[in-house]
Amino acid sequence: MDRGEALQWWQTRWFVLGATLLAIVPLLWPDIPPLVDLPGHMGRYRVQLDYGNHAWLADWYNFQWSLIGNLGVDLLVIPLSKIFGLELAVKLIVMSIPAMTVAGLLWIAREVHGRIPATALFALPLAYSFPFHFGFVNFALSMAFALLAFGLWLRLARLGRLMLRNILFLPISCLIWVTHTYGWGVLGVLAFSAELIRQHDLASRSEVSRGENRGRTGSARSFTVDWVVPWFHAGIQCLVLAPPVLLMVMWRSGGHVGGKTFDLFNWMAKIRWVVQVFRDRWQLFDIASVGVLFLLLFKAIRDPNIQYSRNLGLSAVFLLAVYILLPRVVFGSAYADMRLVPFMIAIAIIAIRPKPGLTMVGAATVAVLGMSFYTVRIAATTWSFAKYDADYDRELKALDHLPQGARLLSFVGETCYNEWTMTRLQHVPALALERKLAFTNDQWSMEGGQLLTVRYLHDRDRLARSFTHDPSELTTDVKCPREYWRPIARSLVLFPRDAFDYVWVIRPPHYDRRLEKGLIPIWRDGDSALFKIDPTVAPAEPNALDLPTPVPERAMANDGSQITNSMAPQ
């Protein structure tokens, strides 16, 4: 693209700066970024920072430092919380993720095409994709780092600074792995595909410079020169990214590491993740936005004025192959394949570029449309986050009535029907741990998957232990198929009264108020309430109305599955 013409407005550094800053706008207003899992992580950060200062935390949780590929935000909050406090530190880190994602996409497009193509602007809204909304913050941070690192990888190759690239990417690959293994893996795929194209072009130019006739050398030798040899050389160049393999083996070979890998080739789920890549609040709007991206991808195939870059086109194909082969659950962490979708689509979009015949007027029109699409998505996300923030503010008023160090049991309302709009309240109880150093029952307990595990009531019976960790905080009106969630009536009746001091119900399903027997209300707002437990009063006896029949499986989502974050700590 760089043929000596003057830079257009979407190709300037000022535009890149403006687009990057625009990405942080939705997160400016909320005190706590309203991402589903983030409050749960914030509870863990509080335990991490204050574990040695309050003896009761050690009675409830086991926290032990170890080198795992899932430590990005966990490490960053240590110095930043000393300057800004924990909540503001987390907010600043989370704000940086979409900004770095946008900057990384634009940098990659600039390095591959010479100038930023107008079509690349359509990829920028993917900085706020469903995996980010879900609150996979270590994952999202590692992917932002991986995009920036890939831009640097391409730039150093273009400048011929391969030795410098080797020196820099040895620590870079390790840092990205420590942030989250996913970003390191994707960086390896992107770097290898780009290096394969570069080595192929070098081999082709070398053959031409020697004046060899491909017709005489034969198709077998030509294929070997064009692809087999470049494949080998690309692998050699990417060895600098390999050292984290040793860290991965050390991490996953430990006997303390749990979690299974399963659910391969779930085609209905894979199709759903693509459709839901923008899933936030307004289903029609979010699906229409996906349609815009696929219309652009299809047009790039049919339109004679635009084409795909071989470099990024191959990267997109490699990512698609990884997506197809990736299970839904890897080492106990759910939605492994879903997380790749926005980045797979983003790379495919920034692979598009105009052919030399496209006029500047046509390119400017595409740029205006792309920037309009980006602005509209940012505006919608800003409004959506403001509404979620209002919900947080309303529910968190209950914490004004909760003493420090309380033993708190929480129940958050859920449904079996996989509504498009998630409440973002699923892990709000963890903010009682973050703000009041209270015990909360929504922490993930996945040994080896993160630094914190729940030890509360480890010597009690099985029923008591089942109320101490995720997903015991999620409750429904009926029993949902293939879920561990309890109906609200069963939760209120069965929980051990002597194990907790308070009960916090957050927008629960409708239940018979007789089930509040032995629970003294100290705050109530609508259906939400905070109760003090009177352990001397026996719970109510449930009747048939209190424990309704399970929902039939045909009432579930089309593929028979639901969105649950019970196995997705990061």
Protein backbone atom coordinates (compact mmCIF):
# COMPACT_ATOMS: atom_id res chain seq x y z
CA MET A 1 0.00 0.00 0.00
CA ASP A 2 2.88 2.38 0.67
CA ARG A 3 3.43 3.83 -2.80
CA GLY A 4 4.49 7.29 -1.74
CA GLU A 5 1.05 8.91 -1.44
CA ALA A 6 0.28 11.24 1.45
CA LEU A 7 -1.06 9.62 4.60
CA GLN A 8 -4.84 9.57 4.94
CA TRP A 9 -6.48 10.52 8.22
CA TRP A 10 -6.98 6.90 9.34
CA GLN A 11 -3.30 6.14 8.71
CA THR A 12 -1.82 8.84 10.93
CA ARG A 13 -0.35 8.45 14.40
CA TRP A 14 -2.94 10.90 15.71
CA PHE A 15 -5.70 8.58 14.54
CA VAL A 16 -4.05 5.58 16.18
CA LEU A 17 -3.78 7.54 19.43
CA GLY A 18 -7.41 8.68 19.20
CA ALA A 19 -8.74 5.20 18.41
CA THR A 20 -6.72 3.77 21.29
CA LEU A 21 -8.04 6.34 23.76
CA LEU A 22 -11.60 5.85 22.51
CA ALA A 23 -11.35 2.21 23.56
CA ILE A 24 -11.16 3.16 27.26
CA VAL A 25 -14.32 5.33 27.24
CA PRO A 26 -16.80 2.58 28.33
CA LEU A 27 -14.72 1.92 31.44
CA LEU A 28 -14.30 5.51 32.61
CA TRP A 29 -17.57 5.79 34.56
CA PRO A 30 -17.94 2.46 36.45
CA ASP A 31 -16.07 2.23 39.75
CA ILE A 32 -15.67 -1.48 39.16
CA PRO A 33 -15.57 -2.70 35.54
CA PRO A 34 -18.83 -4.68 35.21
CA LEU A 35 -17.30 -7.89 33.87
CA VAL A 36 -18.89 -11.14 35.02
CA ASP A 37 -15.94 -12.85 36.72
CA LEU A 38 -13.93 -9.76 37.68
CA PRO A 39 -15.38 -9.25 41.21
CA GLY A 40 -14.42 -12.85 41.99
CA HIS A 41 -10.86 -12.16 40.93
CA MET A 42 -10.83 -8.98 43.02
CA GLY A 43 -11.71 -11.05 46.07
CA ARG A 44 -8.68 -13.22 45.35
CA TYR A 45 -6.47 -10.14 44.96
CA ARG A 46 -7.58 -8.94 48.41
CA VAL A 47 -6.66 -12.27 49.99
CA GLN A 48 -3.32 -12.14 48.17
CA LEU A 49 -2.54 -8.66 49.50
CA ASP A 50 -3.79 -9.15 53.09
CA TYR A 51 -3.31 -12.89 53.67
CA GLY A 52 -0.73 -12.39 56.41
CA ASN A 53 -2.51 -9.47 58.07
CA HIS A 54 -5.76 -11.15 59.13
CA ALA A 55 -5.65 -14.60 60.71
CA TRP A 56 -9.18 -15.52 59.71
CA LEU A 57 -8.30 -15.41 56.00
CA ALA A 58 -5.97 -18.37 56.53
CA ASP A 59 -8.84 -20.22 58.21
CA TRP A 60 -11.00 -19.76 55.12
CA TYR A 61 -8.63 -19.82 52.16
CA ASN A 62 -5.34 -21.39 51.22
CA PHE A 63 -3.15 -19.00 49.25
CA GLN A 64 0.24 -20.14 48.03
CA TRP A 65 2.48 -18.50 45.44
CA SER A 66 3.62 -20.70 42.57
CA LEU A 67 4.78 -20.16 39.00
CA ILE A 68 1.72 -20.76 36.81
CA GLY A 69 0.65 -19.43 33.45
CA ASN A 70 -2.17 -17.32 34.84
CA LEU A 71 -0.70 -14.46 36.88
CA GLY A 72 -1.04 -11.29 34.80
CA VAL A 73 -3.30 -9.04 36.85
CA ASP A 74 -2.41 -10.90 40.06
CA LEU A 75 1.16 -9.61 39.77
CA LEU A 76 0.35 -6.13 38.48
CA VAL A 77 -1.98 -5.30 41.38
CA ILE A 78 0.85 -5.72 43.90
CA PRO A 79 2.72 -2.50 43.06
CA LEU A 80 -0.27 -0.60 41.66
CA SER A 81 -2.49 -1.21 44.71
CA LYS A 82 0.13 0.44 46.91
CA ILE A 83 -0.20 3.59 44.80
CA PHE A 84 -3.89 3.66 43.85
CA GLY A 85 -5.61 1.20 46.16
CA LEU A 86 -6.88 -2.18 44.94
CA GLU A 87 -10.10 -1.13 43.19
CA LEU A 88 -8.58 1.74 41.21
CA ALA A 89 -5.54 -0.39 40.36
CA VAL A 90 -7.78 -3.11 38.92
CA LYS A 91 -9.79 -0.52 37.00
CA LEU A 92 -6.65 1.00 35.45
CA ILE A 93 -5.34 -2.42 34.42
CA VAL A 94 -8.65 -3.44 32.89
CA MET A 95 -8.94 -0.10 31.06
CA SER A 96 -5.57 -0.72 29.46
CA ILE A 97 -6.65 -4.05 27.93
CA PRO A 98 -9.01 -2.81 25.16
CA ALA A 99 -6.68 0.13 24.50
CA MET A 100 -3.71 -2.19 23.97
CA THR A 101 -5.86 -4.52 21.88
CA VAL A 102 -6.80 -1.70 19.51
CA ALA A 103 -3.22 -0.45 19.33
CA GLY A 104 -1.97 -3.97 18.65
CA LEU A 105 -4.42 -4.56 15.79
CA LEU A 106 -3.54 -1.26 14.14
CA TRP A 107 0.20 -1.88 14.54
CA ILE A 108 -0.07 -5.32 12.94
CA ALA A 109 -2.07 -3.86 10.04
CA ARG A 110 0.55 -1.14 9.55
CA GLU A 111 3.44 -3.59 9.52
CA VAL A 112 1.81 -6.04 7.12
CA HIS A 113 0.28 -3.57 4.66
CA GLY A 114 2.71 -0.64 4.89
CA ARG A 115 -0.22 1.64 5.73
CA ILE A 116 -3.33 1.01 7.81
CA PRO A 117 -6.08 -0.10 5.40
CA ALA A 118 -9.48 1.48 5.88
CA THR A 119 -11.07 -1.93 6.41
CA ALA A 120 -8.97 -2.50 9.55
CA LEU A 121 -11.20 -0.08 11.46
CA PHE A 122 -13.99 -2.67 11.43
CA ALA A 123 -11.88 -4.95 13.64
CA LEU A 124 -11.50 -2.44 16.48
CA PRO A 125 -14.87 -3.07 18.23
CA LEU A 126 -13.68 -6.64 18.90
CA ALA A 127 -11.64 -5.21 21.76
CA TYR A 128 -14.98 -5.48 23.65
CA SER A 129 -15.85 -9.06 22.79
CA PHE A 130 -17.74 -11.66 24.80
CA PRO A 131 -14.61 -13.15 26.45
CA PHE A 132 -13.73 -9.67 27.74
CA HIS A 133 -17.28 -9.10 29.00
CA PHE A 134 -17.03 -12.45 30.78
CA GLY A 135 -14.13 -11.09 32.80
CA PHE A 136 -11.30 -13.39 31.66
CA VAL A 137 -8.91 -10.59 32.54
CA ASN A 138 -5.61 -12.49 32.64
CA PHE A 139 -6.48 -14.06 29.31
CA ALA A 140 -7.51 -10.73 27.77
CA LEU A 141 -4.37 -9.02 29.09
CA SER A 142 -2.14 -11.73 27.63
CA MET A 143 -3.89 -11.45 24.25
CA ALA A 144 -3.38 -7.67 24.22
CA PHE A 145 0.31 -8.25 24.99
CA ALA A 146 0.45 -10.92 22.27
CA LEU A 147 -0.94 -8.54 19.61
CA LEU A 148 1.58 -5.84 20.52
CA ALA A 149 4.37 -8.43 20.57
CA PHE A 150 3.33 -9.70 17.14
CA GLY A 151 3.48 -6.15 15.80
CA LEU A 152 7.03 -5.89 17.16
CA TRP A 153 7.90 -9.31 15.69
CA LEU A 154 6.78 -8.14 12.24
CA ARG A 155 8.56 -4.81 12.50
CA LEU A 156 11.91 -6.31 13.49
CA ALA A 157 11.63 -8.81 10.62
CA ARG A 158 10.85 -6.00 8.17
CA LEU A 159 13.91 -4.07 9.37
CA GLY A 160 16.11 -7.16 9.21
CA ARG A 161 16.87 -7.02 12.96
CA LEU A 162 16.56 -10.76 13.51
CA MET A 163 19.27 -11.02 16.16
CA LEU A 164 17.65 -8.23 18.17
CA ARG A 165 14.32 -10.01 17.75
CA ASN A 166 15.78 -13.21 19.20
CA ILE A 167 17.20 -11.34 22.18
CA LEU A 168 13.95 -9.49 22.92
CA PHE A 169 11.50 -12.31 22.43
CA LEU A 170 13.11 -14.72 24.84
CA PRO A 171 11.91 -12.66 27.87
CA ILE A 172 8.80 -11.40 26.04
CA SER A 173 7.53 -14.94 25.43
CA CYS A 174 8.08 -15.84 29.09
CA LEU A 175 6.31 -12.71 30.33
CA ILE A 176 3.30 -13.35 28.12
CA TRP A 177 3.17 -16.98 29.29
CA VAL A 178 3.19 -15.88 32.93
CA THR A 179 0.37 -13.43 32.15
CA HIS A 180 -1.68 -16.26 30.65
CA THR A 181 -0.66 -19.28 28.60
CA TYR A 182 -3.27 -18.52 25.95
CA GLY A 183 -1.59 -15.33 24.77
CA TRP A 184 1.75 -17.12 24.45
CA GLY A 185 0.15 -19.89 22.38
CA VAL A 186 -1.57 -17.44 20.03
CA LEU A 187 1.64 -15.43 19.64
CA GLY A 188 3.39 -18.63 18.58
CA VAL A 189 0.74 -19.36 15.94
CA LEU A 190 0.86 -15.80 14.57
CA ALA A 191 4.65 -15.61 14.57
CA PHE A 192 5.05 -18.99 12.86
CA SER A 193 2.53 -18.22 10.11
CA ALA A 194 4.14 -14.84 9.41
CA GLU A 195 7.62 -16.35 9.42
CA LEU A 196 6.49 -19.12 7.07
CA ILE A 197 5.38 -16.54 4.49
CA ARG A 198 8.62 -14.57 4.93
CA GLN A 199 10.77 -17.65 4.48
CA HIS A 200 8.71 -18.69 1.45
CA ASP A 201 9.26 -15.28 -0.15
CA LEU A 202 12.98 -15.40 0.63
CA ALA A 203 13.27 -18.84 -0.96
CA SER A 204 11.34 -17.71 -4.02
CA ARG A 205 13.50 -14.62 -4.50
CA SER A 206 16.64 -16.67 -4.00
CA GLU A 207 15.53 -19.13 -6.68
CA VAL A 208 14.70 -16.32 -9.09
CA SER A 209 18.06 -14.62 -8.44
CA ARG A 210 19.82 -17.86 -9.36
CA GLY A 211 17.87 -17.94 -12.59
CA GLU A 212 16.46 -21.41 -12.03
CA ASN A 213 13.64 -22.54 -14.31
CA ARG A 214 10.85 -24.09 -12.29
CA GLY A 215 9.63 -26.06 -15.25
CA ARG A 216 12.97 -27.88 -15.48
CA THR A 217 13.54 -28.36 -11.75
CA GLY A 218 10.30 -30.30 -11.39
CA SER A 219 7.20 -29.84 -9.25
CA ALA A 220 8.51 -31.95 -6.33
CA ARG A 221 11.67 -29.89 -5.92
CA SER A 222 9.67 -26.69 -6.42
CA PHE A 223 7.27 -27.68 -3.62
CA THR A 224 10.21 -28.51 -1.36
CA VAL A 225 11.88 -25.16 -2.03
CA ASP A 226 8.63 -23.20 -1.71
CA TRP A 227 7.19 -24.77 1.44
CA VAL A 228 9.07 -27.65 3.08
CA VAL A 229 12.33 -25.74 3.52
CA PRO A 230 10.54 -22.51 4.59
CA TRP A 231 8.48 -24.52 7.09
CA PHE A 232 11.70 -25.83 8.64
CA HIS A 233 13.37 -22.40 8.71
CA ALA A 234 10.23 -20.79 10.16
CA GLY A 235 10.29 -23.33 12.97
CA ILE A 236 13.94 -22.54 13.67
CA GLN A 237 13.21 -18.80 13.84
CA CYS A 238 10.33 -19.40 16.27
CA LEU A 239 12.39 -21.49 18.68
CA VAL A 240 13.02 -18.28 20.61
CA LEU A 241 9.35 -18.51 21.68
CA ALA A 242 9.71 -22.10 22.93
CA PRO A 243 11.25 -21.75 26.45
CA PRO A 244 7.82 -21.39 28.15
CA VAL A 245 7.18 -25.00 27.10
CA LEU A 246 9.47 -25.98 29.99
CA LEU A 247 7.47 -23.78 32.35
CA MET A 248 4.26 -25.39 31.10
CA VAL A 249 5.62 -28.89 31.71
CA MET A 250 6.73 -27.94 35.22
CA TRP A 251 3.31 -26.43 35.98
CA ARG A 252 1.12 -29.18 34.56
CA SER A 253 3.21 -32.16 35.65
CA GLY A 254 2.73 -31.37 39.33
CA GLY A 255 0.51 -33.78 41.23
CA HIS A 256 -1.42 -30.88 42.75
CA VAL A 257 -2.73 -29.68 39.38
CA GLY A 258 -6.31 -30.66 38.65
CA GLY A 259 -8.77 -30.13 35.85
CA LYS A 260 -9.85 -32.25 32.91
CA THR A 261 -9.82 -31.58 29.17
CA PHE A 262 -12.98 -32.57 27.32
CA ASP A 263 -15.82 -31.61 24.94
CA LEU A 264 -14.07 -31.66 21.56
CA PHE A 265 -15.81 -30.79 18.29
CA ASN A 266 -18.92 -29.37 19.90
CA TRP A 267 -20.08 -27.82 16.64
CA MET A 268 -23.22 -26.22 18.03
CA ALA A 269 -21.19 -24.48 20.72
CA LYS A 270 -18.55 -23.35 18.21
CA ILE A 271 -21.18 -21.83 15.95
CA ARG A 272 -22.79 -20.16 18.95
CA TRP A 273 -19.49 -18.58 20.05
CA VAL A 274 -19.11 -16.97 16.62
CA VAL A 275 -22.65 -15.59 16.68
CA GLN A 276 -22.14 -14.33 20.25
CA VAL A 277 -18.77 -12.68 19.71
CA PHE A 278 -20.25 -9.23 20.59
CA ARG A 279 -22.70 -10.56 23.20
CA ASP A 280 -23.49 -7.86 25.73
CA ARG A 281 -27.01 -6.51 26.26
CA TRP A 282 -29.05 -6.07 23.04
CA GLN A 283 -29.25 -9.32 21.12
CA LEU A 284 -30.42 -7.99 17.76
CA PHE A 285 -27.83 -5.21 17.78
CA ASP A 286 -25.03 -7.56 18.81
CA ILE A 287 -25.89 -10.18 16.16
CA ALA A 288 -26.27 -7.48 13.48
CA SER A 289 -22.77 -6.27 14.37
CA VAL A 290 -21.43 -9.77 13.74
CA GLY A 291 -23.26 -9.70 10.42
CA VAL A 292 -21.40 -6.52 9.45
CA LEU A 293 -18.06 -8.24 9.98
CA PHE A 294 -19.00 -11.31 7.96
CA LEU A 295 -20.39 -9.13 5.17
CA LEU A 296 -17.00 -7.44 5.00
CA LEU A 297 -15.14 -10.78 5.01
CA PHE A 298 -17.37 -12.08 2.22
CA LYS A 299 -17.00 -8.88 0.20
CA ALA A 300 -13.21 -9.19 0.38
CA ILE A 301 -13.54 -12.50 -1.48
CA ARG A 302 -15.92 -11.20 -4.16
CA ASP A 303 -14.85 -7.58 -4.64
CA PRO A 304 -12.13 -7.13 -7.32
CA ASN A 305 -10.89 -3.94 -5.61
CA ILE A 306 -9.84 -5.56 -2.33
CA GLN A 307 -7.87 -8.65 -1.39
CA TYR A 308 -6.42 -10.63 1.51
CA SER A 309 -2.83 -10.37 2.66
CA ARG A 310 -1.08 -13.75 2.37
CA ASN A 311 0.64 -13.10 5.70
CA LEU A 312 -2.41 -12.40 7.85
CA GLY A 313 -4.65 -14.57 5.70
CA LEU A 314 -2.52 -17.58 6.59
CA SER A 315 -2.54 -16.49 10.24
CA ALA A 316 -6.34 -16.41 10.18
CA VAL A 317 -6.45 -19.89 8.62
CA PHE A 318 -4.10 -21.24 11.29
CA LEU A 319 -6.24 -19.69 14.04
CA LEU A 320 -9.35 -21.22 12.47
CA ALA A 321 -7.69 -24.64 12.53
CA VAL A 322 -6.78 -24.16 16.20
CA TYR A 323 -10.36 -23.10 16.95
CA ILE A 324 -11.77 -26.22 15.31
CA LEU A 325 -9.39 -28.54 17.16
CA LEU A 326 -9.56 -26.81 20.55
CA PRO A 327 -11.81 -28.44 23.18
CA ARG A 328 -14.37 -26.37 25.06
CA VAL A 329 -12.73 -27.23 28.40
CA VAL A 330 -8.94 -27.40 28.79
CA PHE A 331 -7.43 -28.43 32.15
CA GLY A 332 -10.74 -27.65 33.83
CA SER A 333 -10.94 -24.11 32.42
CA ALA A 334 -14.11 -23.64 30.40
CA TYR A 335 -14.66 -21.71 27.17
CA ALA A 336 -11.16 -22.37 25.83
CA ASP A 337 -12.36 -22.33 22.23
CA MET A 338 -14.76 -19.40 22.72
CA ARG A 339 -11.93 -17.10 23.79
CA LEU A 340 -10.17 -17.41 20.43
CA VAL A 341 -13.11 -16.30 18.27
CA PRO A 342 -12.78 -12.47 18.43
CA PHE A 343 -9.07 -12.59 17.69
CA MET A 344 -9.51 -15.06 14.85
CA ILE A 345 -12.07 -12.74 13.26
CA ALA A 346 -9.99 -9.62 13.98
CA ILE A 347 -6.91 -11.07 12.26
CA ALA A 348 -9.05 -12.06 9.26
CA ILE A 349 -10.40 -8.51 8.99
CA ILE A 350 -7.07 -6.71 9.25
CA ALA A 351 -5.79 -9.12 6.57
CA ILE A 352 -8.00 -7.26 4.07
CA ARG A 353 -6.41 -4.51 1.97
CA PRO A 354 -7.29 -2.57 -1.19
CA LYS A 355 -5.81 -3.46 -4.56
CA PRO A 356 -3.92 -0.67 -6.36
CA GLY A 357 -6.99 0.25 -8.42
CA LEU A 358 -9.13 1.39 -5.46
CA THR A 359 -9.56 5.16 -5.42
CA MET A 360 -8.89 7.27 -2.34
CA VAL A 361 -12.53 8.35 -2.37
CA GLY A 362 -13.59 4.73 -2.11
CA ALA A 363 -11.05 4.04 0.64
CA ALA A 364 -12.17 7.15 2.56
CA THR A 365 -15.79 5.97 2.36
CA VAL A 366 -14.80 2.60 3.80
CA ALA A 367 -12.83 4.34 6.56
CA VAL A 368 -15.82 6.50 7.51
CA LEU A 369 -18.04 3.44 7.65
CA GLY A 370 -15.48 1.55 9.73
CA MET A 371 -15.01 4.43 12.16
CA SER A 372 -18.78 4.85 12.45
CA PHE A 373 -19.14 1.15 13.26
CA TYR A 374 -16.43 1.42 15.91
CA THR A 375 -17.94 4.57 17.44
CA VAL A 376 -21.46 3.12 17.57
CA ARG A 377 -20.22 -0.05 19.28
CA ILE A 378 -18.23 2.00 21.82
CA ALA A 379 -21.24 4.22 22.53
CA ALA A 380 -23.48 1.19 23.07
CA THR A 381 -20.95 -0.46 25.36
CA THR A 382 -20.57 2.76 27.35
CA TRP A 383 -24.33 2.94 27.91
CA SER A 384 -24.50 -0.75 28.76
CA PHE A 385 -21.66 -0.49 31.30
CA ALA A 386 -23.29 2.56 32.91
CA LYS A 387 -26.48 0.53 33.44
CA TYR A 388 -24.53 -2.39 34.90
CA ASP A 389 -22.68 0.03 37.17
CA ALA A 390 -26.01 1.30 38.51
CA ASP A 391 -26.96 -2.31 39.33
CA TYR A 392 -23.65 -2.76 41.17
CA ASP A 393 -24.19 0.42 43.18
CA ARG A 394 -27.67 -0.67 44.21
CA GLU A 395 -26.64 -4.15 45.37
CA LEU A 396 -23.43 -3.10 47.08
CA LYS A 397 -25.33 -0.89 49.54
CA ALA A 398 -25.84 -4.10 51.51
CA LEU A 399 -22.15 -4.05 52.43
CA ASP A 400 -22.72 -0.91 54.51
CA HIS A 401 -24.51 -3.18 56.98
CA LEU A 402 -21.96 -6.00 56.99
CA PRO A 403 -19.22 -6.07 59.67
CA GLN A 404 -15.61 -6.78 58.78
CA GLY A 405 -14.62 -10.43 58.85
CA ALA A 406 -18.18 -11.75 58.68
CA ARG A 407 -18.90 -15.29 57.56
CA LEU A 408 -21.16 -14.52 54.61
CA LEU A 409 -23.18 -16.93 52.49
CA SER A 410 -24.57 -15.46 49.26
CA PHE A 411 -27.20 -16.55 46.77
CA VAL A 412 -27.40 -14.82 43.37
CA GLY A 413 -30.39 -15.33 41.12
CA GLU A 414 -29.88 -17.21 37.84
CA THR A 415 -32.15 -18.88 35.30
CA CYS A 416 -31.97 -22.02 33.21
CA TYR A 417 -32.70 -20.24 29.94
CA ASN A 418 -29.42 -18.65 28.90
CA GLU A 419 -30.75 -15.13 28.35
CA TRP A 420 -28.60 -12.98 26.06
CA THR A 421 -28.17 -10.26 28.70
CA MET A 422 -26.18 -11.53 31.68
CA THR A 423 -26.77 -9.72 34.97
CA ARG A 424 -23.02 -9.36 35.70
CA LEU A 425 -23.96 -10.00 39.37
CA GLN A 426 -22.83 -13.62 39.50
CA HIS A 427 -19.64 -12.82 41.44
CA VAL A 428 -20.62 -9.55 43.11
CA PRO A 429 -20.57 -11.34 46.51
CA ALA A 430 -16.76 -11.45 46.24
CA LEU A 431 -16.74 -7.69 46.71
CA ALA A 432 -17.66 -8.42 50.35
CA LEU A 433 -14.34 -10.24 50.56
CA GLU A 434 -12.57 -7.40 48.77
CA ARG A 435 -14.10 -4.58 50.82
CA LYS A 436 -15.00 -6.22 54.15
CA LEU A 437 -12.59 -9.16 54.33
CA ALA A 438 -15.65 -11.37 54.74
CA PHE A 439 -15.87 -15.01 53.74
CA THR A 440 -17.76 -15.45 50.48
CA ASN A 441 -18.80 -18.69 48.82
CA ASP A 442 -18.21 -17.69 45.19
CA GLN A 443 -14.45 -18.32 44.90
CA TRP A 444 -13.28 -20.94 42.43
CA SER A 445 -11.47 -23.84 44.03
CA MET A 446 -9.36 -25.29 41.23
CA GLU A 447 -6.08 -26.56 42.65
CA GLY A 448 -3.17 -25.66 40.39
CA GLY A 449 -5.33 -23.44 38.19
CA GLN A 450 -4.90 -20.36 40.36
CA LEU A 451 -3.19 -19.38 43.59
CA LEU A 452 -6.21 -19.50 45.91
CA THR A 453 -8.27 -22.48 46.98
CA VAL A 454 -11.09 -22.66 49.53
CA ARG A 455 -10.39 -24.50 52.79
CA TYR A 456 -13.37 -23.24 54.83
CA LEU A 457 -15.17 -26.03 56.67
CA HIS A 458 -12.69 -28.58 55.39
CA ASP A 459 -13.47 -30.78 58.38
CA ARG A 460 -17.25 -30.54 58.09
CA ASP A 461 -19.59 -32.88 56.27
CA ARG A 462 -19.97 -32.96 52.50
CA LEU A 463 -23.15 -30.87 52.48
CA ALA A 464 -21.48 -28.04 54.40
CA ARG A 465 -18.47 -28.05 52.06
CA SER A 466 -20.77 -27.81 49.05
CA PHE A 467 -21.85 -24.34 50.20
CA THR A 468 -18.34 -22.88 50.41
CA HIS A 469 -17.20 -22.34 46.80
CA ASP A 470 -18.41 -21.61 43.29
CA PRO A 471 -21.04 -22.36 41.99
CA SER A 472 -22.89 -22.61 45.31
CA GLU A 473 -23.67 -18.88 45.09
CA LEU A 474 -25.84 -19.36 41.98
CA THR A 475 -29.46 -20.23 42.60
CA THR A 476 -32.52 -20.71 40.41
CA ASP A 477 -36.25 -21.19 40.79
CA VAL A 478 -36.08 -24.82 39.59
CA LYS A 479 -33.39 -27.45 39.11
CA CYS A 480 -31.58 -26.85 35.82
CA PRO A 481 -30.47 -29.88 33.80
CA ARG A 482 -26.70 -30.54 33.78
CA GLU A 483 -25.99 -27.77 36.31
CA TYR A 484 -24.91 -27.83 39.95
CA TRP A 485 -27.04 -24.81 40.79
CA ARG A 486 -29.59 -25.33 43.55
CA PRO A 487 -33.12 -23.94 43.54
CA ILE A 488 -33.42 -21.00 45.94
CA ALA A 489 -35.81 -22.90 48.21
CA ARG A 490 -33.41 -25.80 48.59
CA SER A 491 -30.50 -23.41 49.24
CA LEU A 492 -32.34 -21.54 51.99
CA VAL A 493 -33.44 -24.75 53.68
CA LEU A 494 -30.27 -26.83 53.44
CA PHE A 495 -27.40 -24.48 54.20
CA PRO A 496 -25.80 -25.13 57.64
CA ARG A 497 -26.99 -22.36 59.96
CA ASP A 498 -24.07 -22.68 62.39
CA ALA A 499 -21.42 -22.29 59.65
CA PHE A 500 -22.28 -18.72 58.63
CA ASP A 501 -23.25 -15.41 60.22
CA TYR A 502 -25.07 -13.67 57.37
CA VAL A 503 -26.97 -14.51 54.19
CA TRP A 504 -27.00 -12.14 51.20
CA VAL A 505 -29.58 -12.81 48.50
CA ILE A 506 -29.06 -10.82 45.30
CA ARG A 507 -32.03 -10.62 42.94
CA PRO A 508 -33.11 -14.17 43.73
CA PRO A 509 -35.93 -16.02 41.99
CA HIS A 510 -39.30 -15.70 43.69
CA TYR A 511 -39.55 -17.80 46.83
CA ASP A 512 -41.96 -18.28 49.71
CA ARG A 513 -41.04 -15.79 52.47
CA ARG A 514 -41.67 -18.54 55.02
CA LEU A 515 -38.24 -19.85 53.99
CA GLU A 516 -36.72 -16.81 55.74
CA LYS A 517 -37.45 -18.40 59.10
CA GLY A 518 -34.44 -17.84 61.34
CA LEU A 519 -33.12 -15.06 59.07
CA ILE A 520 -33.31 -11.53 60.49
CA PRO A 521 -33.43 -8.89 57.72
CA ILE A 522 -31.02 -5.99 58.28
CA TRP A 523 -31.18 -4.52 54.74
CA ARG A 524 -33.59 -4.99 51.89
CA ASP A 525 -34.00 -3.40 48.45
CA GLY A 526 -36.60 -5.01 46.25
CA ASP A 527 -35.95 -8.75 46.10
CA SER A 528 -32.38 -8.37 47.35
CA ALA A 529 -31.72 -8.60 51.08
CA LEU A 530 -29.07 -9.09 53.73
CA PHE A 531 -29.98 -11.29 56.69
CA LYS A 532 -28.35 -12.04 60.02
CA ILE A 533 -28.67 -15.72 60.89
CA ASP A 534 -30.22 -16.80 64.18
CA PRO A 535 -28.62 -20.24 64.65
CA THR A 536 -31.06 -21.12 67.44
CA VAL A 537 -34.02 -21.16 65.04
CA ALA A 538 -34.49 -24.21 62.85
CA PRO A 539 -35.04 -23.62 59.11
CA ALA A 540 -38.48 -23.92 57.57
CA GLU A 541 -39.72 -27.28 56.40
CA PRO A 542 -40.04 -27.26 52.61
CA ASN A 543 -43.23 -28.38 50.96
CA ALA A 544 -44.06 -29.23 47.37
CA LEU A 545 -44.43 -25.56 46.43
CA ASP A 546 -41.02 -24.73 47.82
CA LEU A 547 -39.18 -27.29 45.69
CA PRO A 548 -40.68 -27.17 42.17
CA THR A 549 -39.97 -29.78 39.53
CA PRO A 550 -36.90 -29.45 37.27
CA VAL A 551 -37.18 -27.53 34.04
CA PRO A 552 -37.56 -29.86 31.03
CA GLU A 553 -34.45 -30.17 28.87
CA ARG A 554 -36.31 -29.01 25.75
CA ALA A 555 -36.63 -25.60 27.39
CA MET A 556 -32.87 -25.17 27.37
CA ALA A 557 -30.79 -23.42 24.73
CA ASN A 558 -30.80 -24.98 21.24
CA ASP A 559 -27.61 -26.94 21.85
CA GLY A 560 -28.69 -28.13 25.30
CA SER A 561 -26.07 -26.09 27.13
CA GLN A 562 -25.94 -23.00 29.26
CA ILE A 563 -23.55 -20.20 30.02
CA THR A 564 -21.93 -20.93 33.36
CA ASN A 565 -18.72 -19.61 34.80
CA SER A 566 -18.33 -22.37 37.35
CA MET A 567 -15.15 -23.68 35.72
CA ALA A 568 -13.58 -20.56 34.28
CA PRO A 569 -11.31 -18.83 36.79
CA GLN A 570 -9.47 -16.98 34.03
